[in-house]
Structure formats: C-alpha cells, structure tokens
Amino acid sequence: KPRIFELRTYESHSVKAGKKKVEMFNQGGEIAIFQKTGLQPVFFAETIIGPQMPNLTYMLAFDDMAARDAAWNRFIRDPDWEKLKADPQYKDTVSNITDVILRPAPYSQV
C-alpha cells in the first residue's frame, strides 16, 4: 500500500523557547490533538548534535496526500488547537519550520 511521510522540524530561537515548544506538545496536549484529528506520529525527536539547534523534529505517516491534507485541515480547525495556539506562554516558541514530504524507497523497512 503506498504511503507518504511528512518530516517536520521546528527550530526555536533559544533553548528556553525550544523547551516551551516541547512542553506544548506534551503537557499542552498538542500530541493528543494530533491523534484526535488523524495526524499519525511515527516519532518525535530533539536534536542533540547538528545544525539549527534547538529544534524539535517529528514524522507523520499518511496513506496519501489527500489523507494528509484532510488531517491537517481537521487539526487547524480543532477548537483545542485554537485554544492551545492562543495560549500566551507558547507565543514565539518556533522561529522556523522545515516541512518535507517523503515517499519510502522500495528497499525501505517502513
């Protein structure tokens, strides 16, 4: 079955802002909103060595682009997301987002 993956990296301008973004995912409930709206996480990771630190990187899996678009549309319209993103404690936690859509190679294990 064909699948696609979305790899997203959220860079933060400071360690403090980066920690707040991680908190937003965990204690803030962003991961729960992902799951509720059909965004299927494969993994979440914090870079320990590399460029553009601090950052949070995660991967999502979808059946196809239509499924991806539908899930993101549900997410951005979700009332819990609207409330979370308006929370002043999470303001300016991300300074840059890199978003890449991937198709698994035939020899990939996923």
Protein backbone atom coordinates (compact mmCIF):
# COMPACT_ATOMS: atom_id res chain seq x y z
CA LYS A 1 0.00 0.00 0.00
CA PRO A 2 1.51 3.38 -0.96
CA ARG A 3 2.25 5.72 1.93
CA ILE A 4 3.85 9.07 2.42
CA PHE A 5 5.67 10.56 5.36
CA GLU A 6 5.92 14.15 6.50
CA LEU A 7 9.09 15.19 8.32
CA ARG A 8 8.73 18.48 10.18
CA THR A 9 11.41 20.39 12.07
CA TYR A 10 10.53 23.28 14.36
CA GLU A 11 13.52 25.50 15.12
CA SER A 12 13.48 27.78 18.15
CA HIS A 13 15.45 30.98 18.70
CA SER A 14 16.57 29.92 22.19
CA VAL A 15 16.81 26.87 24.43
CA LYS A 16 14.02 28.31 26.61
CA ALA A 17 11.69 28.71 23.61
CA GLY A 18 12.57 25.21 22.41
CA LYS A 19 11.68 23.74 25.80
CA LYS A 20 8.35 25.57 25.72
CA LYS A 21 7.57 24.06 22.30
CA VAL A 22 8.33 20.56 23.63
CA GLU A 23 6.11 21.35 26.62
CA MET A 24 3.35 22.46 24.23
CA PHE A 25 3.45 19.03 22.58
CA ASN A 26 3.47 17.12 25.87
CA GLN A 27 1.81 18.91 28.78
CA GLY A 28 0.00 21.34 26.49
CA GLY A 29 -1.75 18.49 24.71
CA GLU A 30 -0.69 19.04 21.10
CA ILE A 31 0.09 15.33 20.64
CA ALA A 32 -3.41 14.43 21.85
CA ILE A 33 -4.86 16.87 19.31
CA PHE A 34 -2.73 15.21 16.61
CA GLN A 35 -4.18 11.83 17.47
CA LYS A 36 -7.75 13.14 17.73
CA THR A 37 -7.58 14.74 14.28
CA GLY A 38 -5.91 11.85 12.44
CA LEU A 39 -2.29 13.02 12.42
CA GLN A 40 -0.39 9.76 13.00
CA PRO A 41 3.01 10.31 14.62
CA VAL A 42 5.84 7.92 13.76
CA PHE A 43 8.32 9.59 16.12
CA PHE A 44 9.26 12.80 17.90
CA ALA A 45 12.91 13.74 18.50
CA GLU A 46 15.06 16.54 19.84
CA THR A 47 18.35 17.18 18.05
CA ILE A 48 21.35 16.63 20.31
CA ILE A 49 24.06 17.26 17.69
CA GLY A 50 23.62 19.16 14.45
CA PRO A 51 22.63 22.46 12.86
CA GLN A 52 19.69 24.73 13.62
CA MET A 53 19.55 23.87 17.31
CA PRO A 54 17.47 23.87 19.35
CA ASN A 55 14.82 22.10 17.37
CA LEU A 56 12.08 19.51 17.59
CA THR A 57 11.68 17.08 14.69
CA TYR A 58 8.82 14.70 14.13
CA MET A 59 7.46 12.43 11.43
CA LEU A 60 3.86 11.70 10.49
CA ALA A 61 2.53 8.90 8.26
CA PHE A 62 -0.35 9.14 5.78
CA ASP A 63 -1.93 6.91 3.14
CA ASP A 64 -1.61 9.68 0.54
CA MET A 65 -1.60 13.46 0.06
CA ALA A 66 -5.39 13.67 0.25
CA ALA A 67 -5.34 11.99 3.68
CA ARG A 68 -2.55 14.35 4.78
CA ASP A 69 -4.45 17.44 3.66
CA ALA A 70 -7.67 16.26 5.33
CA ALA A 71 -5.92 15.54 8.65
CA TRP A 72 -4.13 18.91 8.71
CA ASN A 73 -7.42 20.68 7.88
CA ARG A 74 -9.08 18.95 10.83
CA PHE A 75 -6.15 19.87 13.06
CA ILE A 76 -6.05 23.58 12.23
CA ARG A 77 -9.82 23.87 12.79
CA ASP A 78 -9.86 21.91 16.06
CA PRO A 79 -11.12 24.03 18.99
CA ASP A 80 -8.47 22.58 21.33
CA TRP A 81 -5.73 23.59 18.88
CA GLU A 82 -7.22 27.08 18.55
CA LYS A 83 -7.12 27.42 22.34
CA LEU A 84 -3.60 25.97 22.68
CA LYS A 85 -2.01 28.13 19.99
CA ALA A 86 -3.59 31.25 21.54
CA ASP A 87 -2.03 30.50 24.95
CA PRO A 88 0.46 33.35 25.56
CA GLN A 89 3.00 31.06 27.24
CA TYR A 90 3.58 29.34 23.87
CA LYS A 91 3.94 32.55 21.84
CA ASP A 92 7.08 32.76 19.68
CA THR A 93 8.33 29.25 20.51
CA VAL A 94 9.09 28.47 16.84
CA SER A 95 11.30 30.66 14.64
CA ASN A 96 11.37 28.46 11.52
CA ILE A 97 9.57 25.36 10.22
CA THR A 98 11.04 22.96 7.68
CA ASP A 99 8.46 20.62 6.15
CA VAL A 100 9.43 17.74 3.84
CA ILE A 101 7.12 15.15 2.24
CA LEU A 102 8.77 11.78 1.65
CA ARG A 103 7.87 8.62 -0.23
CA PRO A 104 9.52 5.41 1.07
CA ALA A 105 12.11 3.87 -1.23
CA PRO A 106 11.33 0.31 -2.41
CA TYR A 107 14.12 -1.03 -0.18
CA SER A 108 12.90 0.82 2.93
CA GLN A 109 11.80 -1.09 6.03
CA VAL A 110 8.83 1.22 6.55
